[in-house]
Amino acid sequence: MQESSNLLNLSDLHLPEVPSWLPLSWGWWASLLAIVVVLVSIALIVRAKKKRMAPKKTALRLLNPALGHQTPSSAIELVRQAALCYYPREQVAHLTGPDWYAFLDSQVDSPIFTKNEETWQKALYQKQKVENAQDLVADCYQWVNTALPPQKRRNLSVGKY
């Protein structure tokens, strides 16, 4: 009986409170700050790339050979507008004729425009439709797709024209 009376005299167990997550220690705050900085940096990089690629995407959409509604003169005009978005105006805007075609070919690995220079001149200034007009538009599409945005090593040759 003595044992049961001793057990009755014991008080209940009082458990401590569960530790709170807040306030966080400085290490957690530093980790959260690092994560936020990384996420904001990624968002800014993606936004800048999207902004940089917008003229190219627009030109490619308008030059799509599958649509087949572009003429060579309107296609080369789109190429000029796209080039002006990426290259300095002082170095590109004044180029015409052979200098323009040489500039375009200097931005790609294999020549696209100088090999068809006579055909381009005829297509741009004739009222009649040229027989290979869609090939010329496809050349414009290929140039925009491969040359834009310019790479730094190719951009150095811009001042020659």
N, C-alpha and C. Protein backbone atom coordinates (compact mmCIF):
# COMPACT_ATOMS: atom_id res chain seq x y z
N MET A 1 0.80 -1.19 0.00
CA MET A 1 0.00 0.00 0.00
C MET A 1 0.84 1.25 0.00
N GLN A 2 1.93 1.09 0.58
CA GLN A 2 2.83 2.23 0.67
C GLN A 2 3.21 2.72 -0.72
N GLU A 3 3.40 1.80 -1.61
CA GLU A 3 3.81 2.19 -2.96
C GLU A 3 2.72 2.95 -3.67
N SER A 4 1.51 2.52 -3.55
CA SER A 4 0.42 3.19 -4.24
C SER A 4 0.20 4.58 -3.67
N SER A 5 0.42 4.78 -2.39
CA SER A 5 0.26 6.12 -1.83
C SER A 5 1.38 7.04 -2.30
N ASN A 6 2.56 6.47 -2.50
CA ASN A 6 3.66 7.28 -3.05
C ASN A 6 3.37 7.70 -4.49
N LEU A 7 2.77 6.81 -5.24
CA LEU A 7 2.44 7.14 -6.63
C LEU A 7 1.35 8.20 -6.69
N LEU A 8 0.48 8.20 -5.76
CA LEU A 8 -0.58 9.20 -5.76
C LEU A 8 -0.05 10.59 -5.42
N ASN A 9 1.02 10.66 -4.70
CA ASN A 9 1.60 11.95 -4.33
C ASN A 9 2.41 12.58 -5.46
N LEU A 10 2.70 11.84 -6.53
CA LEU A 10 3.48 12.39 -7.65
C LEU A 10 2.64 13.36 -8.45
N SER A 11 3.26 14.40 -8.89
CA SER A 11 2.54 15.36 -9.74
C SER A 11 2.70 14.98 -11.21
N ASP A 12 1.83 15.52 -12.05
CA ASP A 12 1.85 15.21 -13.48
C ASP A 12 3.14 15.74 -14.13
N LEU A 13 3.48 15.10 -15.23
CA LEU A 13 4.64 15.56 -16.00
C LEU A 13 4.27 16.81 -16.79
N HIS A 14 5.13 17.79 -16.77
CA HIS A 14 4.93 19.01 -17.55
C HIS A 14 5.97 19.04 -18.67
N LEU A 15 5.48 18.87 -19.89
CA LEU A 15 6.39 18.87 -21.04
C LEU A 15 6.70 20.31 -21.45
N PRO A 16 7.91 20.56 -21.90
CA PRO A 16 8.24 21.92 -22.34
C PRO A 16 7.51 22.23 -23.65
N GLU A 17 7.40 23.50 -23.95
CA GLU A 17 6.76 23.92 -25.20
C GLU A 17 7.62 23.51 -26.38
N VAL A 18 6.96 23.26 -27.51
CA VAL A 18 7.67 22.92 -28.73
C VAL A 18 8.43 24.17 -29.19
N PRO A 19 9.68 24.03 -29.54
CA PRO A 19 10.44 25.21 -29.97
C PRO A 19 9.81 25.82 -31.23
N SER A 20 9.82 27.09 -31.30
CA SER A 20 9.23 27.81 -32.43
C SER A 20 10.26 27.96 -33.56
N TRP A 21 9.76 28.04 -34.78
CA TRP A 21 10.64 28.28 -35.92
C TRP A 21 11.07 29.75 -35.97
N LEU A 22 10.29 30.58 -35.39
CA LEU A 22 10.60 32.01 -35.42
C LEU A 22 11.02 32.47 -34.05
N PRO A 23 11.89 33.34 -33.91
CA PRO A 23 12.68 33.99 -34.94
C PRO A 23 13.78 33.05 -35.45
N LEU A 24 14.03 33.14 -36.74
CA LEU A 24 15.06 32.30 -37.35
C LEU A 24 16.44 32.81 -36.98
N SER A 25 17.37 31.92 -36.98
CA SER A 25 18.74 32.34 -36.71
C SER A 25 19.32 33.02 -37.95
N TRP A 26 20.44 33.68 -37.81
CA TRP A 26 21.01 34.48 -38.90
C TRP A 26 21.39 33.61 -40.10
N GLY A 27 21.73 32.37 -39.88
CA GLY A 27 22.09 31.48 -40.99
C GLY A 27 20.92 31.22 -41.93
N TRP A 28 19.73 31.07 -41.35
CA TRP A 28 18.54 30.87 -42.17
C TRP A 28 18.22 32.13 -42.96
N TRP A 29 18.36 33.29 -42.32
CA TRP A 29 18.10 34.54 -43.04
C TRP A 29 19.11 34.72 -44.18
N ALA A 30 20.35 34.36 -43.96
CA ALA A 30 21.36 34.46 -45.02
C ALA A 30 21.03 33.51 -46.17
N SER A 31 20.57 32.31 -45.84
CA SER A 31 20.19 31.35 -46.88
C SER A 31 19.00 31.87 -47.69
N LEU A 32 18.00 32.40 -47.00
CA LEU A 32 16.84 32.96 -47.71
C LEU A 32 17.24 34.12 -48.60
N LEU A 33 18.11 34.98 -48.11
CA LEU A 33 18.59 36.11 -48.91
C LEU A 33 19.34 35.63 -50.15
N ALA A 34 20.17 34.61 -49.99
CA ALA A 34 20.91 34.06 -51.13
C ALA A 34 19.96 33.48 -52.17
N ILE A 35 18.94 32.78 -51.72
CA ILE A 35 17.96 32.20 -52.65
C ILE A 35 17.22 33.30 -53.40
N VAL A 36 16.82 34.34 -52.70
CA VAL A 36 16.11 35.46 -53.35
C VAL A 36 17.02 36.14 -54.37
N VAL A 37 18.28 36.35 -54.03
CA VAL A 37 19.22 36.98 -54.96
C VAL A 37 19.40 36.12 -56.20
N VAL A 38 19.53 34.83 -56.04
CA VAL A 38 19.69 33.93 -57.19
C VAL A 38 18.44 33.96 -58.06
N LEU A 39 17.26 33.89 -57.47
CA LEU A 39 16.02 33.90 -58.25
C LEU A 39 15.84 35.22 -59.00
N VAL A 40 16.13 36.34 -58.35
CA VAL A 40 16.02 37.64 -59.02
C VAL A 40 17.03 37.74 -60.15
N SER A 41 18.24 37.25 -59.94
CA SER A 41 19.27 37.27 -60.99
C SER A 41 18.84 36.44 -62.19
N ILE A 42 18.30 35.27 -61.95
CA ILE A 42 17.83 34.42 -63.04
C ILE A 42 16.70 35.12 -63.80
N ALA A 43 15.78 35.73 -63.08
CA ALA A 43 14.67 36.43 -63.73
C ALA A 43 15.18 37.58 -64.59
N LEU A 44 16.16 38.33 -64.10
CA LEU A 44 16.70 39.44 -64.88
C LEU A 44 17.45 38.96 -66.12
N ILE A 45 18.17 37.86 -65.99
CA ILE A 45 18.89 37.31 -67.14
C ILE A 45 17.91 36.82 -68.20
N VAL A 46 16.87 36.13 -67.78
CA VAL A 46 15.87 35.63 -68.73
C VAL A 46 15.17 36.80 -69.42
N ARG A 47 14.85 37.82 -68.66
CA ARG A 47 14.18 39.00 -69.22
C ARG A 47 15.08 39.70 -70.23
N ALA A 48 16.36 39.85 -69.92
CA ALA A 48 17.29 40.50 -70.84
C ALA A 48 17.46 39.69 -72.12
N LYS A 49 17.54 38.37 -71.99
CA LYS A 49 17.68 37.53 -73.19
C LYS A 49 16.42 37.60 -74.05
N LYS A 50 15.27 37.61 -73.41
CA LYS A 50 14.02 37.70 -74.15
C LYS A 50 13.94 39.03 -74.91
N LYS A 51 14.36 40.09 -74.24
CA LYS A 51 14.35 41.41 -74.88
C LYS A 51 15.36 41.46 -76.03
N ARG A 52 16.51 40.82 -75.85
CA ARG A 52 17.55 40.82 -76.88
C ARG A 52 17.12 39.99 -78.09
N MET A 53 16.36 38.94 -77.88
CA MET A 53 15.96 38.06 -78.97
C MET A 53 14.66 38.50 -79.65
N ALA A 54 13.97 39.49 -79.12
CA ALA A 54 12.67 39.90 -79.67
C ALA A 54 12.75 40.34 -81.13
N PRO A 55 13.71 41.18 -81.55
CA PRO A 55 13.75 41.55 -82.97
C PRO A 55 14.00 40.36 -83.88
N LYS A 56 14.85 39.44 -83.45
CA LYS A 56 15.12 38.25 -84.27
C LYS A 56 13.86 37.40 -84.42
N LYS A 57 13.16 37.17 -83.32
CA LYS A 57 11.94 36.36 -83.38
C LYS A 57 10.89 37.00 -84.28
N THR A 58 10.76 38.32 -84.18
CA THR A 58 9.78 39.01 -85.02
C THR A 58 10.15 38.89 -86.49
N ALA A 59 11.43 39.10 -86.81
CA ALA A 59 11.87 39.00 -88.20
C ALA A 59 11.68 37.58 -88.73
N LEU A 60 12.00 36.59 -87.93
CA LEU A 60 11.82 35.20 -88.39
C LEU A 60 10.35 34.87 -88.60
N ARG A 61 9.51 35.39 -87.73
CA ARG A 61 8.07 35.14 -87.89
C ARG A 61 7.56 35.77 -89.19
N LEU A 62 8.03 36.98 -89.49
CA LEU A 62 7.57 37.67 -90.70
C LEU A 62 8.20 37.10 -91.97
N LEU A 63 9.39 36.54 -91.85
CA LEU A 63 10.09 35.99 -93.02
C LEU A 63 9.82 34.51 -93.24
N ASN A 64 8.96 33.92 -92.48
CA ASN A 64 8.72 32.48 -92.55
C ASN A 64 8.44 32.05 -93.99
N PRO A 65 9.32 31.21 -94.57
CA PRO A 65 9.12 30.80 -95.96
C PRO A 65 7.86 29.97 -96.17
N ALA A 66 7.35 29.36 -95.15
CA ALA A 66 6.14 28.54 -95.29
C ALA A 66 4.93 29.40 -95.63
N LEU A 67 4.94 30.65 -95.16
CA LEU A 67 3.82 31.54 -95.46
C LEU A 67 3.85 32.00 -96.90
N GLY A 68 5.05 32.27 -97.43
CA GLY A 68 5.21 32.60 -98.84
C GLY A 68 4.60 33.91 -99.28
N HIS A 69 4.41 34.87 -98.41
CA HIS A 69 3.79 36.13 -98.81
C HIS A 69 4.78 37.28 -98.92
N GLN A 70 6.06 37.04 -98.67
CA GLN A 70 7.07 38.09 -98.73
C GLN A 70 7.64 38.20 -100.14
N THR A 71 7.91 39.43 -100.54
CA THR A 71 8.65 39.68 -101.78
C THR A 71 10.11 39.89 -101.39
N PRO A 72 11.03 39.75 -102.34
CA PRO A 72 12.44 39.98 -102.00
C PRO A 72 12.70 41.39 -101.46
N SER A 73 12.03 42.39 -102.00
CA SER A 73 12.28 43.75 -101.52
C SER A 73 11.78 43.94 -100.08
N SER A 74 10.63 43.37 -99.75
CA SER A 74 10.16 43.49 -98.36
C SER A 74 11.00 42.62 -97.42
N ALA A 75 11.50 41.49 -97.93
CA ALA A 75 12.35 40.63 -97.09
C ALA A 75 13.67 41.31 -96.77
N ILE A 76 14.29 41.95 -97.76
CA ILE A 76 15.57 42.61 -97.49
C ILE A 76 15.36 43.83 -96.61
N GLU A 77 14.19 44.44 -96.69
CA GLU A 77 13.86 45.55 -95.79
C GLU A 77 13.76 45.05 -94.34
N LEU A 78 13.16 43.90 -94.15
CA LEU A 78 13.09 43.30 -92.81
C LEU A 78 14.48 42.94 -92.29
N VAL A 79 15.35 42.47 -93.19
CA VAL A 79 16.72 42.16 -92.79
C VAL A 79 17.42 43.43 -92.34
N ARG A 80 17.22 44.53 -93.07
CA ARG A 80 17.84 45.80 -92.69
C ARG A 80 17.32 46.28 -91.33
N GLN A 81 16.03 46.17 -91.12
CA GLN A 81 15.47 46.58 -89.83
C GLN A 81 16.01 45.73 -88.69
N ALA A 82 16.12 44.44 -88.92
CA ALA A 82 16.67 43.55 -87.89
C ALA A 82 18.14 43.86 -87.63
N ALA A 83 18.89 44.14 -88.69
CA ALA A 83 20.31 44.48 -88.53
C ALA A 83 20.46 45.78 -87.76
N LEU A 84 19.58 46.74 -88.00
CA LEU A 84 19.65 48.02 -87.29
C LEU A 84 19.32 47.85 -85.81
N CYS A 85 18.59 46.81 -85.46
CA CYS A 85 18.31 46.55 -84.04
C CYS A 85 19.53 46.04 -83.30
N TYR A 86 20.46 45.40 -84.01
CA TYR A 86 21.60 44.78 -83.35
C TYR A 86 22.93 45.49 -83.60
N TYR A 87 23.06 46.20 -84.70
CA TYR A 87 24.31 46.86 -85.05
C TYR A 87 24.14 48.37 -84.95
N PRO A 88 25.24 49.10 -84.73
CA PRO A 88 25.14 50.57 -84.63
C PRO A 88 24.63 51.18 -85.94
N ARG A 89 23.73 52.11 -85.83
CA ARG A 89 23.12 52.76 -86.99
C ARG A 89 24.17 53.41 -87.89
N GLU A 90 25.19 54.02 -87.29
CA GLU A 90 26.21 54.72 -88.06
C GLU A 90 26.99 53.78 -88.97
N GLN A 91 27.04 52.52 -88.63
CA GLN A 91 27.82 51.57 -89.41
C GLN A 91 26.97 50.76 -90.38
N VAL A 92 25.67 50.77 -90.24
CA VAL A 92 24.82 49.92 -91.06
C VAL A 92 23.89 50.71 -91.97
N ALA A 93 23.36 51.81 -91.50
CA ALA A 93 22.28 52.50 -92.21
C ALA A 93 22.71 53.02 -93.58
N HIS A 94 23.96 53.41 -93.75
CA HIS A 94 24.39 54.01 -95.01
C HIS A 94 24.77 52.97 -96.06
N LEU A 95 24.82 51.71 -95.71
CA LEU A 95 25.25 50.66 -96.64
C LEU A 95 24.18 50.37 -97.68
N THR A 96 24.61 50.29 -98.94
CA THR A 96 23.71 49.93 -100.03
C THR A 96 24.47 49.07 -101.03
N GLY A 97 23.72 48.40 -101.87
CA GLY A 97 24.31 47.63 -102.97
C GLY A 97 25.35 46.61 -102.52
N PRO A 98 26.49 46.58 -103.23
CA PRO A 98 27.53 45.58 -102.92
C PRO A 98 28.07 45.69 -101.49
N ASP A 99 28.16 46.92 -100.97
CA ASP A 99 28.64 47.07 -99.59
C ASP A 99 27.67 46.43 -98.59
N TRP A 100 26.38 46.59 -98.85
CA TRP A 100 25.35 46.00 -97.98
C TRP A 100 25.43 44.48 -98.02
N TYR A 101 25.55 43.93 -99.22
CA TYR A 101 25.63 42.47 -99.34
C TYR A 101 26.92 41.94 -98.72
N ALA A 102 28.02 42.68 -98.87
CA ALA A 102 29.29 42.27 -98.26
C ALA A 102 29.19 42.30 -96.73
N PHE A 103 28.52 43.32 -96.21
CA PHE A 103 28.32 43.37 -94.75
C PHE A 103 27.50 42.17 -94.29
N LEU A 104 26.41 41.89 -94.99
CA LEU A 104 25.57 40.75 -94.59
C LEU A 104 26.35 39.45 -94.61
N ASP A 105 27.16 39.26 -95.66
CA ASP A 105 27.93 38.02 -95.76
C ASP A 105 29.07 37.96 -94.75
N SER A 106 29.55 39.11 -94.30
CA SER A 106 30.62 39.09 -93.30
C SER A 106 30.12 38.62 -91.94
N GLN A 107 28.83 38.60 -91.74
CA GLN A 107 28.27 38.20 -90.45
C GLN A 107 27.93 36.72 -90.38
N VAL A 108 28.07 36.01 -91.49
CA VAL A 108 27.79 34.57 -91.51
C VAL A 108 29.03 33.84 -92.02
N ASP A 109 29.06 32.54 -91.83
CA ASP A 109 30.24 31.75 -92.22
C ASP A 109 30.36 31.57 -93.72
N SER A 110 29.26 31.32 -94.41
CA SER A 110 29.32 31.12 -95.86
C SER A 110 28.51 32.23 -96.53
N PRO A 111 28.99 32.73 -97.68
CA PRO A 111 28.29 33.85 -98.34
C PRO A 111 26.89 33.45 -98.81
N ILE A 112 25.97 34.34 -98.57
CA ILE A 112 24.59 34.11 -98.97
C ILE A 112 24.18 35.13 -100.03
N PHE A 113 24.56 36.37 -99.85
CA PHE A 113 24.05 37.46 -100.68
C PHE A 113 24.96 37.82 -101.85
N THR A 114 26.28 37.79 -101.68
CA THR A 114 27.16 38.22 -102.77
C THR A 114 27.11 37.26 -103.95
N LYS A 115 26.83 36.00 -103.71
CA LYS A 115 26.76 35.05 -104.83
C LYS A 115 25.51 35.30 -105.68
N ASN A 116 24.49 35.93 -105.12
CA ASN A 116 23.26 36.24 -105.85
C ASN A 116 23.07 37.75 -106.00
N GLU A 117 24.15 38.49 -106.04
CA GLU A 117 24.05 39.95 -106.03
C GLU A 117 23.27 40.48 -107.24
N GLU A 118 23.53 39.95 -108.42
CA GLU A 118 22.81 40.42 -109.61
C GLU A 118 21.33 40.08 -109.52
N THR A 119 21.02 38.90 -109.04
CA THR A 119 19.62 38.51 -108.89
C THR A 119 18.92 39.42 -107.88
N TRP A 120 19.63 39.77 -106.81
CA TRP A 120 19.04 40.67 -105.82
C TRP A 120 18.77 42.03 -106.43
N GLN A 121 19.70 42.55 -107.19
CA GLN A 121 19.49 43.87 -107.80
C GLN A 121 18.30 43.85 -108.75
N LYS A 122 18.16 42.78 -109.52
CA LYS A 122 17.01 42.67 -110.42
C LYS A 122 15.71 42.54 -109.63
N ALA A 123 15.73 41.73 -108.61
CA ALA A 123 14.51 41.49 -107.83
C ALA A 123 14.05 42.74 -107.10
N LEU A 124 14.98 43.56 -106.67
CA LEU A 124 14.61 44.74 -105.90
C LEU A 124 14.03 45.85 -106.76
N TYR A 125 14.44 45.92 -108.01
CA TYR A 125 14.06 47.07 -108.83
C TYR A 125 13.25 46.71 -110.07
N GLN A 126 12.75 45.51 -110.18
CA GLN A 126 11.91 45.13 -111.31
C GLN A 126 10.47 45.00 -110.88
N LYS A 127 9.59 45.33 -111.82
CA LYS A 127 8.17 45.14 -111.54
C LYS A 127 7.76 43.69 -111.70
N GLN A 128 8.40 43.00 -112.66
CA GLN A 128 8.05 41.60 -112.87
C GLN A 128 8.59 40.76 -111.71
N LYS A 129 7.89 39.69 -111.51
CA LYS A 129 8.30 38.78 -110.45
C LYS A 129 9.51 37.96 -110.90
N VAL A 130 10.47 37.84 -110.02
CA VAL A 130 11.66 37.05 -110.31
C VAL A 130 11.33 35.58 -110.08
N GLU A 131 11.91 34.70 -110.91
CA GLU A 131 11.53 33.29 -110.82
C GLU A 131 11.95 32.63 -109.51
N ASN A 132 13.02 33.07 -108.91
CA ASN A 132 13.46 32.45 -107.66
C ASN A 132 13.27 33.40 -106.47
N ALA A 133 12.15 34.08 -106.43
CA ALA A 133 11.89 35.05 -105.36
C ALA A 133 11.84 34.37 -103.99
N GLN A 134 11.24 33.19 -103.92
CA GLN A 134 11.15 32.50 -102.63
C GLN A 134 12.52 32.04 -102.14
N ASP A 135 13.43 31.75 -103.07
CA ASP A 135 14.80 31.40 -102.66
C ASP A 135 15.49 32.60 -102.04
N LEU A 136 15.24 33.78 -102.59
CA LEU A 136 15.83 35.00 -102.04
C LEU A 136 15.27 35.29 -100.65
N VAL A 137 13.97 35.09 -100.49
CA VAL A 137 13.36 35.28 -99.17
C VAL A 137 13.91 34.25 -98.19
N ALA A 138 14.12 33.03 -98.66
CA ALA A 138 14.70 31.99 -97.80
C ALA A 138 16.13 32.36 -97.40
N ASP A 139 16.87 33.02 -98.30
CA ASP A 139 18.21 33.50 -97.95
C ASP A 139 18.14 34.53 -96.82
N CYS A 140 17.15 35.41 -96.89
CA CYS A 140 16.97 36.40 -95.82
C CYS A 140 16.64 35.70 -94.50
N TYR A 141 15.77 34.72 -94.55
CA TYR A 141 15.41 33.95 -93.36
C TYR A 141 16.65 33.28 -92.77
N GLN A 142 17.45 32.68 -93.64
CA GLN A 142 18.67 32.00 -93.18
C GLN A 142 19.64 32.99 -92.54
N TRP A 143 19.78 34.18 -93.14
CA TRP A 143 20.71 35.17 -92.58
C TRP A 143 20.25 35.60 -91.19
N VAL A 144 18.97 35.92 -91.05
CA VAL A 144 18.46 36.36 -89.74
C VAL A 144 18.62 35.25 -88.72
N ASN A 145 18.39 34.03 -89.13
CA ASN A 145 18.47 32.90 -88.21
C ASN A 145 19.90 32.63 -87.75
N THR A 146 20.88 32.81 -88.63
CA THR A 146 22.26 32.48 -88.27
C THR A 146 23.07 33.67 -87.78
N ALA A 147 22.80 34.87 -88.26
CA ALA A 147 23.66 36.02 -87.95
C ALA A 147 23.20 36.81 -86.74
N LEU A 148 21.98 36.68 -86.35
CA LEU A 148 21.47 37.50 -85.24
C LEU A 148 21.21 36.62 -84.02
N PRO A 149 21.45 37.11 -82.84
CA PRO A 149 22.18 38.32 -82.49
C PRO A 149 23.66 38.14 -82.81
N PRO A 150 24.36 39.23 -83.09
CA PRO A 150 25.76 39.11 -83.52
C PRO A 150 26.66 38.59 -82.41
N GLN A 151 27.64 37.82 -82.83
CA GLN A 151 28.66 37.37 -81.89
C GLN A 151 29.75 38.42 -81.84
N LYS A 152 30.45 38.52 -80.75
CA LYS A 152 31.44 39.58 -80.57
C LYS A 152 32.55 39.51 -81.60
N ARG A 153 32.98 38.33 -81.98
CA ARG A 153 34.09 38.24 -82.93
C ARG A 153 33.68 38.74 -84.31
N ARG A 154 32.43 38.56 -84.68
CA ARG A 154 31.97 39.03 -85.99
C ARG A 154 31.64 40.51 -85.96
N ASN A 155 31.27 41.00 -84.82
CA ASN A 155 30.89 42.40 -84.69
C ASN A 155 32.08 43.32 -84.94
N LEU A 156 33.30 42.83 -84.80
CA LEU A 156 34.48 43.64 -85.01
C LEU A 156 34.64 44.04 -86.47
N SER A 157 34.09 43.28 -87.39
CA SER A 157 34.25 43.58 -88.81
C SER A 157 33.22 44.58 -89.32
N VAL A 158 32.37 45.09 -88.46
CA VAL A 158 31.32 46.00 -88.89
C VAL A 158 31.91 47.30 -89.40
N GLY A 159 32.95 47.82 -88.80
CA GLY A 159 33.49 49.12 -89.16
C GLY A 159 34.17 49.17 -90.50
N LYS A 160 34.36 48.06 -91.17
CA LYS A 160 35.06 48.03 -92.45
C LYS A 160 34.21 48.57 -93.59
N TYR A 161 32.93 48.68 -93.42
CA TYR A 161 32.06 49.01 -94.54
C TYR A 161 31.58 50.40 -94.46
